[in-house]
Amino acid sequence: MLSLTVSERLALKGRAHALNPIVMIGNAGLTESVLKEIAHSLKIHELIKIRVMAERPQREEIMMTICTQLNAAPVQHIGKILVIYQPNPEAHQIEIKKMPRHKGKKPLTKKQLGNRN
């Protein structure tokens, strides 16, 4: 499973905000066909949203299973939506920029970042 720094995770959360869920996991849970579809979507898009219709502990387990089996990074788990990132050097659609720094060389807070245009 990949790991992300805080600034990378913040940048990916911002990019994922406008995305719609691509894959939906229903009552059958995480099957092989769903896992193949997630892998295919990650190859194309690098960053995807997944809607999971299950209880919270099951959703956390599904997210960890997906990330370990596909060598992806968990970005966010909010409600029934999971956001997962897997870099693809061939597609390389998403470029993660480092967090902007303030004049005093301290990283900006979330509130300061939100006030920027």
N, C-alpha and C. Protein backbone atom coordinates (compact mmCIF):
# COMPACT_ATOMS: atom_id res chain seq x y z
N MET A 1 0.85 -1.17 0.00
CA MET A 1 0.00 0.00 0.00
C MET A 1 0.89 1.23 0.00
N LEU A 2 0.56 2.18 -0.84
CA LEU A 2 1.31 3.43 -0.92
C LEU A 2 0.96 4.34 0.26
N SER A 3 1.87 5.21 0.61
CA SER A 3 1.57 6.19 1.64
C SER A 3 1.78 7.59 1.06
N LEU A 4 1.00 8.52 1.53
CA LEU A 4 1.06 9.90 1.05
C LEU A 4 1.41 10.84 2.19
N THR A 5 2.08 11.93 1.85
CA THR A 5 2.33 12.96 2.86
C THR A 5 1.05 13.76 3.05
N VAL A 6 1.03 14.58 4.07
CA VAL A 6 -0.16 15.38 4.35
C VAL A 6 -0.44 16.36 3.21
N SER A 7 0.60 16.99 2.69
CA SER A 7 0.39 17.95 1.61
C SER A 7 -0.10 17.27 0.33
N GLU A 8 0.41 16.07 0.05
CA GLU A 8 -0.07 15.33 -1.11
C GLU A 8 -1.53 14.93 -0.93
N ARG A 9 -1.87 14.49 0.26
CA ARG A 9 -3.25 14.10 0.53
C ARG A 9 -4.19 15.30 0.40
N LEU A 10 -3.77 16.47 0.89
CA LEU A 10 -4.59 17.67 0.76
C LEU A 10 -4.80 18.05 -0.71
N ALA A 11 -3.74 17.96 -1.50
CA ALA A 11 -3.84 18.29 -2.93
C ALA A 11 -4.79 17.32 -3.64
N LEU A 12 -4.70 16.04 -3.30
CA LEU A 12 -5.57 15.04 -3.93
C LEU A 12 -7.01 15.19 -3.48
N LYS A 13 -7.23 15.56 -2.23
CA LYS A 13 -8.60 15.80 -1.75
C LYS A 13 -9.24 16.94 -2.53
N GLY A 14 -8.45 17.98 -2.79
CA GLY A 14 -8.96 19.11 -3.57
C GLY A 14 -9.33 18.72 -4.98
N ARG A 15 -8.50 17.89 -5.60
CA ARG A 15 -8.80 17.42 -6.96
C ARG A 15 -10.00 16.49 -6.98
N ALA A 16 -10.17 15.70 -5.94
CA ALA A 16 -11.25 14.71 -5.91
C ALA A 16 -12.61 15.35 -5.62
N HIS A 17 -12.61 16.56 -5.12
CA HIS A 17 -13.87 17.19 -4.74
C HIS A 17 -14.87 17.25 -5.90
N ALA A 18 -14.40 17.55 -7.08
CA ALA A 18 -15.30 17.71 -8.23
C ALA A 18 -15.63 16.39 -8.92
N LEU A 19 -15.00 15.30 -8.53
CA LEU A 19 -15.24 14.01 -9.19
C LEU A 19 -16.55 13.38 -8.74
N ASN A 20 -17.12 12.57 -9.62
CA ASN A 20 -18.28 11.75 -9.28
C ASN A 20 -17.81 10.32 -9.06
N PRO A 21 -18.53 9.56 -8.23
CA PRO A 21 -18.13 8.16 -8.02
C PRO A 21 -18.18 7.38 -9.33
N ILE A 22 -17.12 6.62 -9.60
CA ILE A 22 -17.02 5.84 -10.82
C ILE A 22 -17.52 4.42 -10.59
N VAL A 23 -17.18 3.86 -9.43
CA VAL A 23 -17.53 2.48 -9.11
C VAL A 23 -18.44 2.47 -7.90
N MET A 24 -19.41 1.56 -7.91
CA MET A 24 -20.33 1.43 -6.79
C MET A 24 -20.27 -0.01 -6.27
N ILE A 25 -20.05 -0.16 -4.98
CA ILE A 25 -20.00 -1.47 -4.36
C ILE A 25 -21.29 -1.66 -3.58
N GLY A 26 -22.07 -2.66 -3.96
CA GLY A 26 -23.39 -2.89 -3.37
C GLY A 26 -23.38 -3.95 -2.29
N ASN A 27 -24.51 -4.66 -2.18
CA ASN A 27 -24.69 -5.66 -1.14
C ASN A 27 -23.77 -6.86 -1.30
N ALA A 28 -23.33 -7.16 -2.52
CA ALA A 28 -22.46 -8.32 -2.75
C ALA A 28 -21.06 -8.09 -2.20
N GLY A 29 -20.72 -6.86 -1.91
CA GLY A 29 -19.40 -6.55 -1.37
C GLY A 29 -18.34 -6.44 -2.45
N LEU A 30 -17.12 -6.59 -2.05
CA LEU A 30 -15.98 -6.46 -2.96
C LEU A 30 -15.71 -7.80 -3.65
N THR A 31 -16.17 -7.91 -4.88
CA THR A 31 -15.98 -9.14 -5.66
C THR A 31 -14.79 -8.96 -6.60
N GLU A 32 -14.39 -10.04 -7.24
CA GLU A 32 -13.27 -9.98 -8.19
C GLU A 32 -13.57 -9.05 -9.36
N SER A 33 -14.80 -9.09 -9.86
CA SER A 33 -15.15 -8.24 -11.00
C SER A 33 -15.12 -6.76 -10.61
N VAL A 34 -15.56 -6.45 -9.41
CA VAL A 34 -15.52 -5.05 -8.93
C VAL A 34 -14.07 -4.61 -8.76
N LEU A 35 -13.24 -5.49 -8.22
CA LEU A 35 -11.83 -5.17 -8.03
C LEU A 35 -11.13 -4.94 -9.37
N LYS A 36 -11.48 -5.73 -10.39
CA LYS A 36 -10.91 -5.53 -11.73
C LYS A 36 -11.35 -4.18 -12.31
N GLU A 37 -12.61 -3.82 -12.09
CA GLU A 37 -13.13 -2.54 -12.58
C GLU A 37 -12.42 -1.37 -11.90
N ILE A 38 -12.17 -1.50 -10.59
CA ILE A 38 -11.45 -0.46 -9.85
C ILE A 38 -10.03 -0.34 -10.38
N ALA A 39 -9.37 -1.47 -10.62
CA ALA A 39 -8.00 -1.45 -11.14
C ALA A 39 -7.96 -0.79 -12.52
N HIS A 40 -8.94 -1.11 -13.36
CA HIS A 40 -9.01 -0.52 -14.70
C HIS A 40 -9.24 0.99 -14.61
N SER A 41 -10.14 1.41 -13.73
CA SER A 41 -10.42 2.84 -13.56
C SER A 41 -9.22 3.59 -13.02
N LEU A 42 -8.49 2.98 -12.09
CA LEU A 42 -7.30 3.63 -11.54
C LEU A 42 -6.21 3.79 -12.60
N LYS A 43 -6.10 2.83 -13.51
CA LYS A 43 -5.10 2.93 -14.58
C LYS A 43 -5.39 4.13 -15.47
N ILE A 44 -6.67 4.36 -15.73
CA ILE A 44 -7.06 5.45 -16.63
C ILE A 44 -7.04 6.80 -15.93
N HIS A 45 -7.66 6.87 -14.74
CA HIS A 45 -7.89 8.16 -14.09
C HIS A 45 -6.90 8.51 -12.98
N GLU A 46 -6.23 7.55 -12.40
CA GLU A 46 -5.30 7.70 -11.29
C GLU A 46 -5.97 8.05 -9.96
N LEU A 47 -7.02 8.84 -9.97
CA LEU A 47 -7.73 9.25 -8.76
C LEU A 47 -9.22 8.99 -8.97
N ILE A 48 -9.82 8.16 -8.13
CA ILE A 48 -11.23 7.82 -8.32
C ILE A 48 -11.98 7.88 -6.99
N LYS A 49 -13.30 8.03 -7.14
CA LYS A 49 -14.21 7.94 -6.01
C LYS A 49 -15.00 6.64 -6.14
N ILE A 50 -15.22 5.99 -5.01
CA ILE A 50 -15.99 4.75 -4.97
C ILE A 50 -17.09 4.91 -3.95
N ARG A 51 -18.33 4.58 -4.33
CA ARG A 51 -19.45 4.62 -3.39
C ARG A 51 -19.66 3.21 -2.85
N VAL A 52 -19.71 3.09 -1.52
CA VAL A 52 -19.86 1.78 -0.87
C VAL A 52 -21.13 1.78 -0.04
N MET A 53 -22.01 0.82 -0.33
CA MET A 53 -23.25 0.68 0.42
C MET A 53 -23.07 -0.37 1.51
N ALA A 54 -22.38 -0.01 2.56
CA ALA A 54 -22.14 -0.93 3.68
C ALA A 54 -21.96 -0.10 4.94
N GLU A 55 -21.86 -0.76 6.07
CA GLU A 55 -21.64 -0.07 7.34
C GLU A 55 -20.20 0.40 7.43
N ARG A 56 -19.94 1.34 8.33
CA ARG A 56 -18.62 1.97 8.44
C ARG A 56 -17.46 0.98 8.63
N PRO A 57 -17.53 0.02 9.55
CA PRO A 57 -16.39 -0.90 9.70
C PRO A 57 -16.11 -1.70 8.42
N GLN A 58 -17.18 -2.06 7.70
CA GLN A 58 -17.01 -2.80 6.45
C GLN A 58 -16.39 -1.90 5.39
N ARG A 59 -16.77 -0.63 5.37
CA ARG A 59 -16.20 0.31 4.40
C ARG A 59 -14.70 0.48 4.63
N GLU A 60 -14.29 0.59 5.91
CA GLU A 60 -12.86 0.73 6.21
C GLU A 60 -12.09 -0.51 5.78
N GLU A 61 -12.68 -1.67 6.00
CA GLU A 61 -12.05 -2.93 5.60
C GLU A 61 -11.94 -3.02 4.08
N ILE A 62 -12.99 -2.60 3.38
CA ILE A 62 -12.98 -2.62 1.91
C ILE A 62 -11.90 -1.68 1.38
N MET A 63 -11.78 -0.50 1.98
CA MET A 63 -10.77 0.46 1.53
C MET A 63 -9.36 -0.10 1.72
N MET A 64 -9.10 -0.71 2.86
CA MET A 64 -7.77 -1.29 3.10
C MET A 64 -7.50 -2.47 2.16
N THR A 65 -8.52 -3.27 1.88
CA THR A 65 -8.36 -4.39 0.96
C THR A 65 -8.02 -3.90 -0.45
N ILE A 66 -8.74 -2.90 -0.91
CA ILE A 66 -8.49 -2.34 -2.24
C ILE A 66 -7.08 -1.79 -2.32
N CYS A 67 -6.69 -1.01 -1.32
CA CYS A 67 -5.37 -0.37 -1.35
C CYS A 67 -4.23 -1.37 -1.27
N THR A 68 -4.38 -2.43 -0.49
CA THR A 68 -3.30 -3.41 -0.39
C THR A 68 -3.21 -4.28 -1.64
N GLN A 69 -4.34 -4.69 -2.18
CA GLN A 69 -4.32 -5.57 -3.35
C GLN A 69 -3.89 -4.84 -4.62
N LEU A 70 -4.22 -3.56 -4.74
CA LEU A 70 -3.89 -2.81 -5.95
C LEU A 70 -2.69 -1.89 -5.79
N ASN A 71 -2.06 -1.91 -4.61
CA ASN A 71 -0.94 -1.03 -4.30
C ASN A 71 -1.31 0.43 -4.56
N ALA A 72 -2.42 0.84 -3.98
CA ALA A 72 -2.90 2.20 -4.12
C ALA A 72 -2.83 2.90 -2.76
N ALA A 73 -3.13 4.19 -2.76
CA ALA A 73 -3.08 4.97 -1.53
C ALA A 73 -4.48 5.45 -1.16
N PRO A 74 -4.89 5.26 0.10
CA PRO A 74 -6.17 5.81 0.53
C PRO A 74 -6.02 7.32 0.73
N VAL A 75 -6.91 8.08 0.12
CA VAL A 75 -6.86 9.53 0.23
C VAL A 75 -7.87 10.02 1.25
N GLN A 76 -9.12 9.54 1.12
CA GLN A 76 -10.17 10.05 1.99
C GLN A 76 -11.29 9.03 2.12
N HIS A 77 -11.90 9.00 3.29
CA HIS A 77 -13.09 8.18 3.54
C HIS A 77 -14.07 9.08 4.24
N ILE A 78 -15.06 9.54 3.50
CA ILE A 78 -16.04 10.46 4.07
C ILE A 78 -17.42 9.93 3.71
N GLY A 79 -18.19 9.59 4.73
CA GLY A 79 -19.51 9.01 4.51
C GLY A 79 -19.39 7.68 3.80
N LYS A 80 -20.14 7.53 2.73
CA LYS A 80 -20.10 6.29 1.95
C LYS A 80 -19.19 6.38 0.75
N ILE A 81 -18.38 7.44 0.70
CA ILE A 81 -17.48 7.67 -0.44
C ILE A 81 -16.03 7.41 -0.03
N LEU A 82 -15.35 6.63 -0.85
CA LEU A 82 -13.92 6.38 -0.68
C LEU A 82 -13.18 7.04 -1.83
N VAL A 83 -12.07 7.69 -1.53
CA VAL A 83 -11.24 8.29 -2.58
C VAL A 83 -9.90 7.56 -2.55
N ILE A 84 -9.51 7.04 -3.72
CA ILE A 84 -8.30 6.23 -3.82
C ILE A 84 -7.43 6.76 -4.96
N TYR A 85 -6.11 6.74 -4.73
CA TYR A 85 -5.15 7.24 -5.70
C TYR A 85 -4.10 6.16 -6.00
N GLN A 86 -3.81 5.99 -7.28
CA GLN A 86 -2.73 5.10 -7.70
C GLN A 86 -2.01 5.77 -8.85
N PRO A 87 -0.76 6.18 -8.66
CA PRO A 87 -0.04 6.85 -9.75
C PRO A 87 0.22 5.91 -10.92
N ASN A 88 0.05 6.43 -12.11
CA ASN A 88 0.31 5.67 -13.32
C ASN A 88 1.34 6.46 -14.13
N PRO A 89 2.59 5.99 -14.22
CA PRO A 89 3.61 6.76 -14.92
C PRO A 89 3.32 6.95 -16.40
N GLU A 90 2.56 6.02 -17.00
CA GLU A 90 2.24 6.15 -18.42
C GLU A 90 1.22 7.25 -18.66
N ALA A 91 0.16 7.29 -17.86
CA ALA A 91 -0.87 8.30 -18.04
C ALA A 91 -0.40 9.63 -17.46
N HIS A 92 0.08 9.60 -16.23
CA HIS A 92 0.59 10.76 -15.49
C HIS A 92 -0.29 12.00 -15.69
N GLN A 93 -1.57 11.83 -15.39
CA GLN A 93 -2.51 12.93 -15.53
C GLN A 93 -2.46 13.89 -14.36
N ILE A 94 -2.17 13.37 -13.18
CA ILE A 94 -2.21 14.19 -11.97
C ILE A 94 -0.80 14.51 -11.52
N GLU A 95 -0.52 15.78 -11.39
CA GLU A 95 0.76 16.22 -10.87
C GLU A 95 0.52 16.79 -9.49
N ILE A 96 1.11 16.18 -8.50
CA ILE A 96 0.91 16.64 -7.12
C ILE A 96 1.91 17.74 -6.83
N LYS A 97 1.37 18.92 -6.56
CA LYS A 97 2.23 20.05 -6.24
C LYS A 97 2.42 20.12 -4.74
N LYS A 98 3.55 20.64 -4.36
CA LYS A 98 3.82 20.79 -2.94
C LYS A 98 2.98 21.94 -2.39
N MET A 99 2.74 21.88 -1.11
CA MET A 99 1.94 22.88 -0.43
C MET A 99 2.63 24.24 -0.52
N PRO A 100 1.88 25.31 -0.89
CA PRO A 100 2.51 26.62 -0.98
C PRO A 100 3.00 27.09 0.38
N ARG A 101 4.05 27.83 0.37
CA ARG A 101 4.64 28.31 1.62
C ARG A 101 4.38 29.81 1.78
N HIS A 102 4.28 30.20 3.00
CA HIS A 102 4.08 31.59 3.35
C HIS A 102 5.42 32.31 3.35
N LYS A 103 5.43 33.65 3.34
CA LYS A 103 6.67 34.41 3.29
C LYS A 103 7.59 34.07 4.46
N GLY A 104 7.03 33.72 5.60
CA GLY A 104 7.82 33.39 6.77
C GLY A 104 8.34 31.97 6.74
N LYS A 105 8.22 31.29 5.62
CA LYS A 105 8.69 29.92 5.40
C LYS A 105 7.94 28.88 6.22
N LYS A 106 6.79 29.25 6.78
CA LYS A 106 5.96 28.27 7.45
C LYS A 106 4.86 27.83 6.50
N PRO A 107 4.44 26.57 6.55
CA PRO A 107 3.35 26.15 5.66
C PRO A 107 2.05 26.85 6.02
N LEU A 108 1.25 27.12 5.02
CA LEU A 108 -0.03 27.77 5.24
C LEU A 108 -1.01 26.81 5.91
N THR A 109 -1.90 27.37 6.72
CA THR A 109 -2.92 26.55 7.35
C THR A 109 -4.04 26.29 6.36
N LYS A 110 -4.95 25.38 6.72
CA LYS A 110 -6.08 25.08 5.85
C LYS A 110 -6.95 26.32 5.64
N LYS A 111 -7.09 27.12 6.70
CA LYS A 111 -7.92 28.32 6.60
C LYS A 111 -7.28 29.31 5.62
N GLN A 112 -5.96 29.48 5.70
CA GLN A 112 -5.27 30.38 4.79
C GLN A 112 -5.33 29.87 3.36
N LEU A 113 -5.23 28.57 3.18
CA LEU A 113 -5.33 28.00 1.84
C LEU A 113 -6.74 28.20 1.25
N GLY A 114 -7.75 28.10 2.09
CA GLY A 114 -9.12 28.27 1.63
C GLY A 114 -9.42 29.69 1.19
N ASN A 115 -8.71 30.68 1.75
CA ASN A 115 -8.94 32.07 1.41
C ASN A 115 -8.25 32.47 0.11
N ARG A 116 -7.36 31.62 -0.39
CA ARG A 116 -6.67 31.94 -1.65
C ARG A 116 -7.59 31.69 -2.84
N ASN A 117 -7.33 32.37 -3.91
CA ASN A 117 -8.12 32.18 -5.14
C ASN A 117 -7.60 31.04 -5.92
